[in-house]
C-alpha atoms as a PDB file:
ATOM      1  CA  UNK A   1       9.330 -12.486  43.264  1.00  0.00           C
ATOM      2  CA  UNK A   2      11.943 -10.682  41.021  1.00  0.00           C
ATOM      3  CA  UNK A   3      11.530  -7.286  39.411  1.00  0.00           C
ATOM      4  CA  UNK A   4      13.001  -5.505  36.370  1.00  0.00           C
ATOM      5  CA  UNK A   5      13.399  -1.808  37.105  1.00  0.00           C
ATOM      6  CA  UNK A   6      13.211   0.769  34.324  1.00  0.00           C
ATOM      7  CA  UNK A   7      15.201   3.921  35.380  1.00  0.00           C
ATOM      8  CA  UNK A   8      14.861   6.135  32.277  1.00  0.00           C
ATOM      9  CA  UNK A   9      12.961   8.610  34.624  1.00  0.00           C
ATOM     10  CA  UNK A  10      14.799   7.945  37.780  1.00  0.00           C
ATOM     11  CA  UNK A  11      16.513  11.471  37.941  1.00  0.00           C
ATOM     12  CA  UNK A  12      12.961  13.135  37.922  1.00  0.00           C
ATOM     13  CA  UNK A  13      11.720  11.065  40.756  1.00  0.00           C
ATOM     14  CA  UNK A  14       9.841   8.440  38.682  1.00  0.00           C
ATOM     15  CA  UNK A  15      10.559   4.649  38.408  1.00  0.00           C
ATOM     16  CA  UNK A  16       8.756   1.695  36.693  1.00  0.00           C
ATOM     17  CA  UNK A  17       8.938  -1.775  37.957  1.00  0.00           C
ATOM     18  CA  UNK A  18       7.770  -4.970  36.329  1.00  0.00           C
ATOM     19  CA  UNK A  19       7.501  -8.232  38.025  1.00  0.00           C
ATOM     20  CA  UNK A  20       9.219 -10.965  35.757  1.00  0.00           C
ATOM     21  CA  UNK A  21       9.265 -14.631  35.824  1.00  0.00           C
ATOM     22  CA  UNK A  22      12.575 -14.999  34.059  1.00  0.00           C
ATOM     23  CA  UNK A  23      15.011 -13.302  31.796  1.00  0.00           C
ATOM     24  CA  UNK A  24      14.596 -14.960  28.169  1.00  0.00           C
ATOM     25  CA  UNK A  25      17.386 -13.751  26.372  1.00  0.00           C
ATOM     26  CA  UNK A  26      20.204 -10.879  26.744  1.00  0.00           C
ATOM     27  CA  UNK A  27      22.347  -9.788  23.921  1.00  0.00           C
ATOM     28  CA  UNK A  28      24.896  -6.828  23.502  1.00  0.00           C
ATOM     29  CA  UNK A  29      24.661  -5.527  19.843  1.00  0.00           C
ATOM     30  CA  UNK A  30      27.012  -2.940  18.372  1.00  0.00           C
ATOM     31  CA  UNK A  31      24.585  -0.319  19.800  1.00  0.00           C
ATOM     32  CA  UNK A  32      22.829  -1.372  22.599  1.00  0.00           C
ATOM     33  CA  UNK A  33      21.925  -4.159  25.241  1.00  0.00           C
ATOM     34  CA  UNK A  34      18.889  -6.050  24.110  1.00  0.00           C
ATOM     35  CA  UNK A  35      16.791  -8.025  26.520  1.00  0.00           C
ATOM     36  CA  UNK A  36      13.567 -10.123  26.463  1.00  0.00           C
ATOM     37  CA  UNK A  37      11.803 -10.809  29.751  1.00  0.00           C
ATOM     38  CA  UNK A  38       8.814 -13.082  30.489  1.00  0.00           C
ATOM     39  CA  UNK A  39       6.732 -10.820  32.800  1.00  0.00           C
ATOM     40  CA  UNK A  40       3.917 -11.835  35.255  1.00  0.00           C
ATOM     41  CA  UNK A  41       1.361  -9.257  33.875  1.00  0.00           C
ATOM     42  CA  UNK A  42       2.458  -8.312  30.444  1.00  0.00           C
ATOM     43  CA  UNK A  43       3.659 -11.233  28.473  1.00  0.00           C
ATOM     44  CA  UNK A  44       7.008 -10.945  26.944  1.00  0.00           C
ATOM     45  CA  UNK A  45       8.722  -7.524  27.368  1.00  0.00           C
ATOM     46  CA  UNK A  46      11.384  -6.178  24.880  1.00  0.00           C
ATOM     47  CA  UNK A  47      14.000  -3.883  26.655  1.00  0.00           C
ATOM     48  CA  UNK A  48      16.752  -1.868  24.938  1.00  0.00           C
ATOM     49  CA  UNK A  49      19.563  -0.508  27.402  1.00  0.00           C
ATOM     50  CA  UNK A  50      17.080  -1.030  30.428  1.00  0.00           C
ATOM     51  CA  UNK A  51      14.186   0.943  28.755  1.00  0.00           C
ATOM     52  CA  UNK A  52      10.997  -0.863  28.051  1.00  0.00           C
ATOM     53  CA  UNK A  53      10.288  -0.928  24.053  1.00  0.00           C
ATOM     54  CA  UNK A  54       7.316  -3.354  24.106  1.00  0.00           C
ATOM     55  CA  UNK A  55       5.155  -5.731  25.744  1.00  0.00           C
ATOM     56  CA  UNK A  56       2.817  -8.265  24.267  1.00  0.00           C
ATOM     57  CA  UNK A  57       0.145  -6.940  26.473  1.00  0.00           C
ATOM     58  CA  UNK A  58      -0.247  -3.487  25.059  1.00  0.00           C
ATOM     59  CA  UNK A  59       2.096  -3.171  21.933  1.00  0.00           C
ATOM     60  CA  UNK A  60      -1.058  -2.808  19.612  1.00  0.00           C
ATOM     61  CA  UNK A  61      -2.074   0.331  21.324  1.00  0.00           C
ATOM     62  CA  UNK A  62       1.146   1.899  19.927  1.00  0.00           C
ATOM     63  CA  UNK A  63       1.678   0.043  16.683  1.00  0.00           C
ATOM     64  CA  UNK A  64      -1.909   0.467  15.445  1.00  0.00           C
ATOM     65  CA  UNK A  65      -2.044   4.234  16.137  1.00  0.00           C
ATOM     66  CA  UNK A  66       1.520   4.979  14.678  1.00  0.00           C
ATOM     67  CA  UNK A  67       0.605   2.998  11.347  1.00  0.00           C
ATOM     68  CA  UNK A  68      -3.057   3.403  10.737  1.00  0.00           C
ATOM     69  CA  UNK A  69      -3.520   7.274  11.444  1.00  0.00           C
ATOM     70  CA  UNK A  70      -1.465   8.250   8.518  1.00  0.00           C
ATOM     71  CA  UNK A  71      -2.510   5.382   6.288  1.00  0.00           C
ATOM     72  CA  UNK A  72      -6.192   6.183   6.654  1.00  0.00           C
ATOM     73  CA  UNK A  73      -5.535   9.813   5.870  1.00  0.00           C
ATOM     74  CA  UNK A  74      -3.245   9.568   2.727  1.00  0.00           C
ATOM     75  CA  UNK A  75      -5.456   8.607  -0.148  1.00  0.00           C
ATOM     76  CA  UNK A  76      -3.106   6.538  -2.146  1.00  0.00           C
ATOM     77  CA  UNK A  77      -0.161   5.250   0.208  1.00  0.00           C
ATOM     78  CA  UNK A  78       1.499   2.979  -2.182  1.00  0.00           C
ATOM     79  CA  UNK A  79       5.337   3.387  -0.962  1.00  0.00           C
ATOM     80  CA  UNK A  80       6.069   3.655   2.780  1.00  0.00           C
ATOM     81  CA  UNK A  81       9.231   4.096   4.778  1.00  0.00           C
ATOM     82  CA  UNK A  82       9.578   2.933   8.257  1.00  0.00           C
ATOM     83  CA  UNK A  83      12.603   4.365  10.396  1.00  0.00           C
ATOM     84  CA  UNK A  84      13.302   2.339  13.474  1.00  0.00           C
ATOM     85  CA  UNK A  85      10.635  -0.305  13.860  1.00  0.00           C
ATOM     86  CA  UNK A  86      12.944  -3.276  14.362  1.00  0.00           C
ATOM     87  CA  UNK A  87      10.339  -5.113  16.547  1.00  0.00           C
ATOM     88  CA  UNK A  88       8.090  -5.326  13.383  1.00  0.00           C
ATOM     89  CA  UNK A  89       4.858  -4.211  15.041  1.00  0.00           C
ATOM     90  CA  UNK A  90       4.650  -1.160  12.822  1.00  0.00           C
ATOM     91  CA  UNK A  91       5.336  -3.104   9.692  1.00  0.00           C
ATOM     92  CA  UNK A  92       2.772  -5.698  10.594  1.00  0.00           C
ATOM     93  CA  UNK A  93       0.039  -2.934  10.698  1.00  0.00           C
ATOM     94  CA  UNK A  94       1.105  -1.195   7.593  1.00  0.00           C
ATOM     95  CA  UNK A  95       0.770  -4.743   5.617  1.00  0.00           C
ATOM     96  CA  UNK A  96      -2.933  -4.846   6.609  1.00  0.00           C
ATOM     97  CA  UNK A  97      -3.245  -1.996   4.170  1.00  0.00           C
ATOM     98  CA  UNK A  98      -3.700  -3.480   0.764  1.00  0.00           C
ATOM     99  CA  UNK A  99      -3.089  -0.261  -1.075  1.00  0.00           C
ATOM    100  CA  UNK A 100       0.547  -0.370   0.026  1.00  0.00           C
ATOM    101  CA  UNK A 101       2.868  -1.815  -2.771  1.00  0.00           C
ATOM    102  CA  UNK A 102       6.450  -1.429  -0.925  1.00  0.00           C
ATOM    103  CA  UNK A 103       7.746  -0.935   2.499  1.00  0.00           C
ATOM    104  CA  UNK A 104      11.163   0.135   3.287  1.00  0.00           C
ATOM    105  CA  UNK A 105      12.467  -0.456   6.805  1.00  0.00           C
ATOM    106  CA  UNK A 106      15.604   1.272   8.011  1.00  0.00           C
ATOM    107  CA  UNK A 107      16.592  -0.150  11.215  1.00  0.00           C
ATOM    108  CA  UNK A 108      20.025   0.782  12.644  1.00  0.00           C
ATOM    109  CA  UNK A 109      20.340  -2.470  14.682  1.00  0.00           C
ATOM    110  CA  UNK A 110      20.058  -5.839  12.893  1.00  0.00           C
ATOM    111  CA  UNK A 111      20.143  -7.548  16.324  1.00  0.00           C
ATOM    112  CA  UNK A 112      16.706  -6.154  17.029  1.00  0.00           C
ATOM    113  CA  UNK A 113      14.990  -7.591  14.123  1.00  0.00           C
ATOM    114  CA  UNK A 114      16.850 -10.942  14.642  1.00  0.00           C
ATOM    115  CA  UNK A 115      15.618 -11.248  18.270  1.00  0.00           C
ATOM    116  CA  UNK A 116      12.270 -10.069  17.500  1.00  0.00           C
ATOM    117  CA  UNK A 117      11.873 -12.776  14.819  1.00  0.00           C
ATOM    118  CA  UNK A 118      12.858 -15.333  17.151  1.00  0.00           C
ATOM    119  CA  UNK A 119      11.100 -14.241  20.330  1.00  0.00           C
ATOM    120  CA  UNK A 120       8.203 -12.116  19.216  1.00  0.00           C
ATOM    121  CA  UNK A 121       6.769 -13.910  16.179  1.00  0.00           C
ATOM    122  CA  UNK A 122       3.303 -12.030  16.607  1.00  0.00           C
ATOM    123  CA  UNK A 123       5.068  -8.728  16.244  1.00  0.00           C
ATOM    124  CA  UNK A 124       7.510  -9.612  13.535  1.00  0.00           C
ATOM    125  CA  UNK A 125       5.381 -11.512  11.234  1.00  0.00           C
ATOM    126  CA  UNK A 126       5.200  -8.663   8.748  1.00  0.00           C
ATOM    127  CA  UNK A 127       8.909  -8.993   7.862  1.00  0.00           C
ATOM    128  CA  UNK A 128       8.074 -12.076   5.766  1.00  0.00           C
ATOM    129  CA  UNK A 129       5.839 -10.136   3.349  1.00  0.00           C
ATOM    130  CA  UNK A 130       7.554  -9.975   0.007  1.00  0.00           C
ATOM    131  CA  UNK A 131       6.655  -6.028  -0.073  1.00  0.00           C
ATOM    132  CA  UNK A 132       8.898  -5.601   2.832  1.00  0.00           C
ATOM    133  CA  UNK A 133      12.684  -4.690   2.366  1.00  0.00           C
ATOM    134  CA  UNK A 134      14.889  -4.049   5.197  1.00  0.00           C
ATOM    135  CA  UNK A 135      18.021  -1.904   5.348  1.00  0.00           C
ATOM    136  CA  UNK A 136      20.331  -1.859   8.378  1.00  0.00           C
ATOM    137  CA  UNK A 137      21.700   1.556   8.272  1.00  0.00           C
ATOM    138  CA  UNK A 138      21.682   4.931  10.068  1.00  0.00           C
ATOM    139  CA  UNK A 139      18.068   6.204   9.457  1.00  0.00           C
ATOM    140  CA  UNK A 140      19.169   9.939   9.366  1.00  0.00           C
ATOM    141  CA  UNK A 141      21.703   9.053   6.614  1.00  0.00           C
ATOM    142  CA  UNK A 142      19.360   6.899   4.834  1.00  0.00           C
ATOM    143  CA  UNK A 143      16.562   9.411   4.477  1.00  0.00           C
ATOM    144  CA  UNK A 144      19.068  12.265   3.519  1.00  0.00           C
ATOM    145  CA  UNK A 145      19.954  10.248   0.411  1.00  0.00           C
ATOM    146  CA  UNK A 146      16.305  10.048  -0.912  1.00  0.00           C
ATOM    147  CA  UNK A 147      14.139  12.688  -2.523  1.00  0.00           C
ATOM    148  CA  UNK A 148      10.440  12.725  -3.474  1.00  0.00           C
ATOM    149  CA  UNK A 149      10.430   8.845  -3.068  1.00  0.00           C
ATOM    150  CA  UNK A 150       7.674   8.076  -0.314  1.00  0.00           C
ATOM    151  CA  UNK A 151       4.011   8.615   0.021  1.00  0.00           C
ATOM    152  CA  UNK A 152       4.125   8.015   3.863  1.00  0.00           C
ATOM    153  CA  UNK A 153       7.039   7.946   6.434  1.00  0.00           C
ATOM    154  CA  UNK A 154       6.776   6.575   9.868  1.00  0.00           C
ATOM    155  CA  UNK A 155       9.571   7.376  12.444  1.00  0.00           C
ATOM    156  CA  UNK A 156       9.162   4.517  14.954  1.00  0.00           C
ATOM    157  CA  UNK A 157      12.017   5.504  17.159  1.00  0.00           C
ATOM    158  CA  UNK A 158      13.025   5.047  20.769  1.00  0.00           C
ATOM    159  CA  UNK A 159      13.531   7.808  23.107  1.00  0.00           C
ATOM    160  CA  UNK A 160      16.001  10.854  22.169  1.00  0.00           C
ATOM    161  CA  UNK A 161      19.078   9.038  23.556  1.00  0.00           C
ATOM    162  CA  UNK A 162      21.569   6.989  22.279  1.00  0.00           C
ATOM    163  CA  UNK A 163      21.044   5.569  18.656  1.00  0.00           C
ATOM    164  CA  UNK A 164      17.829   7.514  18.241  1.00  0.00           C
ATOM    165  CA  UNK A 165      19.201  10.955  19.484  1.00  0.00           C
ATOM    166  CA  UNK A 166      19.498  12.189  15.776  1.00  0.00           C
ATOM    167  CA  UNK A 167      15.991  11.556  14.963  1.00  0.00           C
ATOM    168  CA  UNK A 168      14.671  14.463  16.939  1.00  0.00           C
ATOM    169  CA  UNK A 169      16.787  17.045  15.219  1.00  0.00           C
ATOM    170  CA  UNK A 170      15.726  19.798  12.701  1.00  0.00           C
ATOM    171  CA  UNK A 171      17.889  18.698   9.787  1.00  0.00           C
ATOM    172  CA  UNK A 172      16.516  15.140  10.128  1.00  0.00           C
ATOM    173  CA  UNK A 173      12.897  16.663   9.614  1.00  0.00           C
ATOM    174  CA  UNK A 174      13.896  18.798   6.762  1.00  0.00           C
ATOM    175  CA  UNK A 175      15.461  15.498   5.145  1.00  0.00           C
ATOM    176  CA  UNK A 176      12.092  13.745   5.879  1.00  0.00           C
ATOM    177  CA  UNK A 177      10.222  16.520   4.206  1.00  0.00           C
ATOM    178  CA  UNK A 178      12.316  16.310   0.998  1.00  0.00           C
ATOM    179  CA  UNK A 179      12.034  12.417   1.025  1.00  0.00           C
ATOM    180  CA  UNK A 180       8.225  12.684   0.670  1.00  0.00           C
ATOM    181  CA  UNK A 181       6.507  13.089  -2.340  1.00  0.00           C
ATOM    182  CA  UNK A 182       4.370  16.150  -2.960  1.00  0.00           C
ATOM    183  CA  UNK A 183       1.376  15.069  -0.823  1.00  0.00           C
ATOM    184  CA  UNK A 184       3.336  13.113   1.426  1.00  0.00           C
ATOM    185  CA  UNK A 185       2.531  12.392   5.330  1.00  0.00           C
ATOM    186  CA  UNK A 186       5.009  11.954   8.043  1.00  0.00           C
ATOM    187  CA  UNK A 187       4.311  10.672  11.566  1.00  0.00           C
ATOM    188  CA  UNK A 188       6.857  10.361  14.301  1.00  0.00           C
ATOM    189  CA  UNK A 189       7.226   9.152  17.844  1.00  0.00           C
ATOM    190  CA  UNK A 190       6.820  12.339  20.142  1.00  0.00           C
ATOM    191  CA  UNK A 191       7.033  11.383  23.611  1.00  0.00           C
ATOM    192  CA  UNK A 192       4.611  12.012  26.540  1.00  0.00           C
ATOM    193  CA  UNK A 193       2.723  15.177  27.299  1.00  0.00           C
ATOM    194  CA  UNK A 194       2.684  14.410  30.791  1.00  0.00           C
ATOM    195  CA  UNK A 195       6.413  14.035  31.030  1.00  0.00           C
ATOM    196  CA  UNK A 196       8.395  15.425  28.036  1.00  0.00           C
ATOM    197  CA  UNK A 197       7.141  18.821  27.117  1.00  0.00           C
ATOM    198  CA  UNK A 198      10.582  20.154  26.612  1.00  0.00           C
ATOM    199  CA  UNK A 199      11.187  17.549  23.950  1.00  0.00           C
ATOM    200  CA  UNK A 200       8.014  18.266  22.420  1.00  0.00           C
ATOM    201  CA  UNK A 201       8.685  21.975  22.687  1.00  0.00           C
ATOM    202  CA  UNK A 202      11.784  21.593  20.787  1.00  0.00           C
ATOM    203  CA  UNK A 203      10.029  19.558  17.939  1.00  0.00           C
ATOM    204  CA  UNK A 204       7.748  22.354  17.782  1.00  0.00           C
ATOM    205  CA  UNK A 205      10.266  25.000  17.173  1.00  0.00           C
ATOM    206  CA  UNK A 206      10.938  23.651  13.760  1.00  0.00           C
ATOM    207  CA  UNK A 207       8.458  20.855  12.485  1.00  0.00           C
ATOM    208  CA  UNK A 208       5.478  23.325  11.968  1.00  0.00           C
ATOM    209  CA  UNK A 209       7.839  25.592  10.017  1.00  0.00           C
ATOM    210  CA  UNK A 210       8.972  22.761   7.696  1.00  0.00           C
ATOM    211  CA  UNK A 211       5.595  21.194   7.248  1.00  0.00           C
ATOM    212  CA  UNK A 212       2.368  22.947   6.434  1.00  0.00           C
ATOM    213  CA  UNK A 213       0.291  20.629   8.567  1.00  0.00           C
ATOM    214  CA  UNK A 214       1.336  19.913  12.179  1.00  0.00           C
ATOM    215  CA  UNK A 215      -0.967  17.959  14.481  1.00  0.00           C
ATOM    216  CA  UNK A 216      -0.285  16.178  17.589  1.00  0.00           C
ATOM    217  CA  UNK A 217      -2.173  13.080  18.639  1.00  0.00           C
ATOM    218  CA  UNK A 218      -1.512  10.289  21.432  1.00  0.00           C
ATOM    219  CA  UNK A 219      -2.450   6.895  22.421  1.00  0.00           C
ATOM    220  CA  UNK A 220      -2.515   5.110  25.794  1.00  0.00           C
ATOM    221  CA  UNK A 221       0.029   2.541  26.436  1.00  0.00           C
ATOM    222  CA  UNK A 222      -0.028   1.312  30.135  1.00  0.00           C
ATOM    223  CA  UNK A 223       3.727   0.123  30.084  1.00  0.00           C
ATOM    224  CA  UNK A 224       5.102   3.463  28.790  1.00  0.00           C
ATOM    225  CA  UNK A 225       6.078   6.407  31.127  1.00  0.00           C
ATOM    226  CA  UNK A 226       2.969   8.164  32.113  1.00  0.00           C
ATOM    227  CA  UNK A 227       0.733   5.437  30.351  1.00  0.00           C
ATOM    228  CA  UNK A 228       0.598   7.735  27.356  1.00  0.00           C
ATOM    229  CA  UNK A 229       2.793   8.620  24.213  1.00  0.00           C
ATOM    230  CA  UNK A 230       2.193  10.990  21.559  1.00  0.00           C
ATOM    231  CA  UNK A 231       2.911  11.346  17.907  1.00  0.00           C
ATOM    232  CA  UNK A 232       3.726  14.183  15.389  1.00  0.00           C
ATOM    233  CA  UNK A 233       1.347  14.067  12.278  1.00  0.00           C
ATOM    234  CA  UNK A 234       3.101  16.328   9.744  1.00  0.00           C
ATOM    235  CA  UNK A 235       1.906  16.615   6.172  1.00  0.00           C
ATOM    236  CA  UNK A 236       2.639  18.613   3.026  1.00  0.00           C
ATOM    237  CA  UNK A 237      -1.285  18.707   2.105  1.00  0.00           C
ATOM    238  CA  UNK A 238      -3.695  16.477   4.110  1.00  0.00           C
ATOM    239  CA  UNK A 239      -5.286  17.272   7.438  1.00  0.00           C
ATOM    240  CA  UNK A 240      -5.655  14.302   9.828  1.00  0.00           C
ATOM    241  CA  UNK A 241      -9.251  14.900  10.694  1.00  0.00           C
ATOM    242  CA  UNK A 242     -10.576  16.631   7.447  1.00  0.00           C
ATOM    243  CA  UNK A 243      -9.041  14.053   5.146  1.00  0.00           C
ATOM    244  CA  UNK A 244      -9.579  11.048   7.345  1.00  0.00           C
ATOM    245  CA  UNK A 245     -11.152   8.144   5.396  1.00  0.00           C
ATOM    246  CA  UNK A 246     -12.854   5.897   7.908  1.00  0.00           C
ATOM    247  CA  UNK A 247     -13.883   3.575   5.283  1.00  0.00           C
ATOM    248  CA  UNK A 248     -10.371   1.923   5.193  1.00  0.00           C
ATOM    249  CA  UNK A 249     -10.700   0.574   8.657  1.00  0.00           C
ATOM    250  CA  UNK A 250     -13.398  -1.869   7.468  1.00  0.00           C
ATOM    251  CA  UNK A 251     -10.535  -3.546   5.255  1.00  0.00           C
ATOM    252  CA  UNK A 252      -7.855  -3.848   8.052  1.00  0.00           C
ATOM    253  CA  UNK A 253      -9.586  -7.000   9.603  1.00  0.00           C
ATOM    254  CA  UNK A 254      -9.361  -7.498  13.454  1.00  0.00           C
ATOM    255  CA  UNK A 255      -7.810  -4.532  15.515  1.00  0.00           C
ATOM    256  CA  UNK A 256      -7.223  -4.281  19.372  1.00  0.00           C
ATOM    257  CA  UNK A 257      -7.274  -0.460  19.762  1.00  0.00           C
ATOM    258  CA  UNK A 258      -7.837   1.583  16.845  1.00  0.00           C
ATOM    259  CA  UNK A 259     -11.197   2.552  15.403  1.00  0.00           C
ATOM    260  CA  UNK A 260     -12.937   5.551  13.788  1.00  0.00           C
ATOM    261  CA  UNK A 261     -13.909   7.061  17.064  1.00  0.00           C
ATOM    262  CA  UNK A 262     -10.470   6.662  18.644  1.00  0.00           C
ATOM    263  CA  UNK A 263      -8.847   8.165  15.385  1.00  0.00           C
ATOM    264  CA  UNK A 264     -10.809  11.399  15.929  1.00  0.00           C
ATOM    265  CA  UNK A 265     -10.465  11.348  19.800  1.00  0.00           C
ATOM    266  CA  UNK A 266      -6.696  11.040  19.813  1.00  0.00           C
ATOM    267  CA  UNK A 267      -6.325  14.504  18.608  1.00  0.00           C
ATOM    268  CA  UNK A 268      -8.524  15.791  21.458  1.00  0.00           C
ATOM    269  CA  UNK A 269      -5.695  17.112  23.894  1.00  0.00           C
ATOM    270  CA  UNK A 270      -6.089  17.895  27.580  1.00  0.00           C
ATOM    271  CA  UNK A 271      -6.365  21.601  28.245  1.00  0.00           C
ATOM    272  CA  UNK A 272      -3.119  22.597  29.595  1.00  0.00           C
ATOM    273  CA  UNK A 273      -1.309  20.632  26.861  1.00  0.00           C
ATOM    274  CA  UNK A 274      -3.599  22.282  24.237  1.00  0.00           C
ATOM    275  CA  UNK A 275      -2.771  25.724  25.431  1.00  0.00           C
ATOM    276  CA  UNK A 276       1.008  24.720  25.481  1.00  0.00           C
ATOM    277  CA  UNK A 277       0.675  23.762  21.707  1.00  0.00           C
ATOM    278  CA  UNK A 278      -1.324  26.738  20.844  1.00  0.00           C
ATOM    279  CA  UNK A 279       0.948  29.430  22.484  1.00  0.00           C
ATOM    280  CA  UNK A 280       4.168  27.911  20.807  1.00  0.00           C
ATOM    281  CA  UNK A 281       2.445  27.627  17.362  1.00  0.00           C
ATOM    282  CA  UNK A 282       1.016  31.056  17.639  1.00  0.00           C
ATOM    283  CA  UNK A 283       4.461  32.451  18.582  1.00  0.00           C
ATOM    284  CA  UNK A 284       6.041  30.545  15.623  1.00  0.00           C
ATOM    285  CA  UNK A 285       3.377  31.992  13.217  1.00  0.00           C
ATOM    286  CA  UNK A 286       4.057  35.530  14.448  1.00  0.00           C
ATOM    287  CA  UNK A 287       7.569  35.255  14.100  1.00  0.00           C
ATOM    288  CA  UNK A 288       7.477  33.721  10.593  1.00  0.00           C
ATOM    289  CA  UNK A 289       5.045  36.774   9.737  1.00  0.00           C
ATOM    290  CA  UNK A 290       7.527  39.236  10.974  1.00  0.00           C
ATOM    291  CA  UNK A 291      10.196  37.867   9.256  1.00  0.00           C
ATOM    292  CA  UNK A 292       8.362  37.933   5.905  1.00  0.00           C
END
């Protein structure tokens, strides 16, 4: 049996191994090495620079949660921006919302979209919707040039290394705030609370200062490090629980993971991590009060 080894966490004593039947395609783009494997247990698997991005088995756990949580909170999400998301899964889920009139996708690597259109049609099917417009540009530069334009922005990024490193910086979040309309909502991929508290702590050092509402939630993805991955819900006005509109779920059709109870439960955090967040946020609030 052949194995693919993801060594993203190897320096911390962790490694993930996936039994594979074959390598389907391997392509070096201008930004990264992109591979598709046919795995024994998880269907086709998309890999960037030896890091697992998605598998057919559990991709819906991620894509449904990054898309439907903000879109079921914002009361009128007509124009949406996705930064990253070249596999198409997030776009596919957004297009289930009939209220959305236009989606901009800013993906730095066009090769990701090309490969997913060919090898992951169930993921990339949303790209054919006429409401979707793709821009193959740097996401940080793209959003910096836009002001007061989007109701919802979703940053569907990879880990904060390589092409995605700039998507975890303070200036980027400030630009995201300015690109949103007055009641805009932002959701960003924000790593695992089991493994990546340093990264989350860095986000907490500025995101709650920029956005009036900051809430962390998570989903279960068996093929991601630690089996969990989290998101930052950042909003100018709406609370992810108080302003949640579950009636919209009935209009989404068949889903694999997301439902009303999951939406609410995703914001219930393990005690040690809840304390970690509360302590940082309390310190930030105190510091802001002292500065004023």
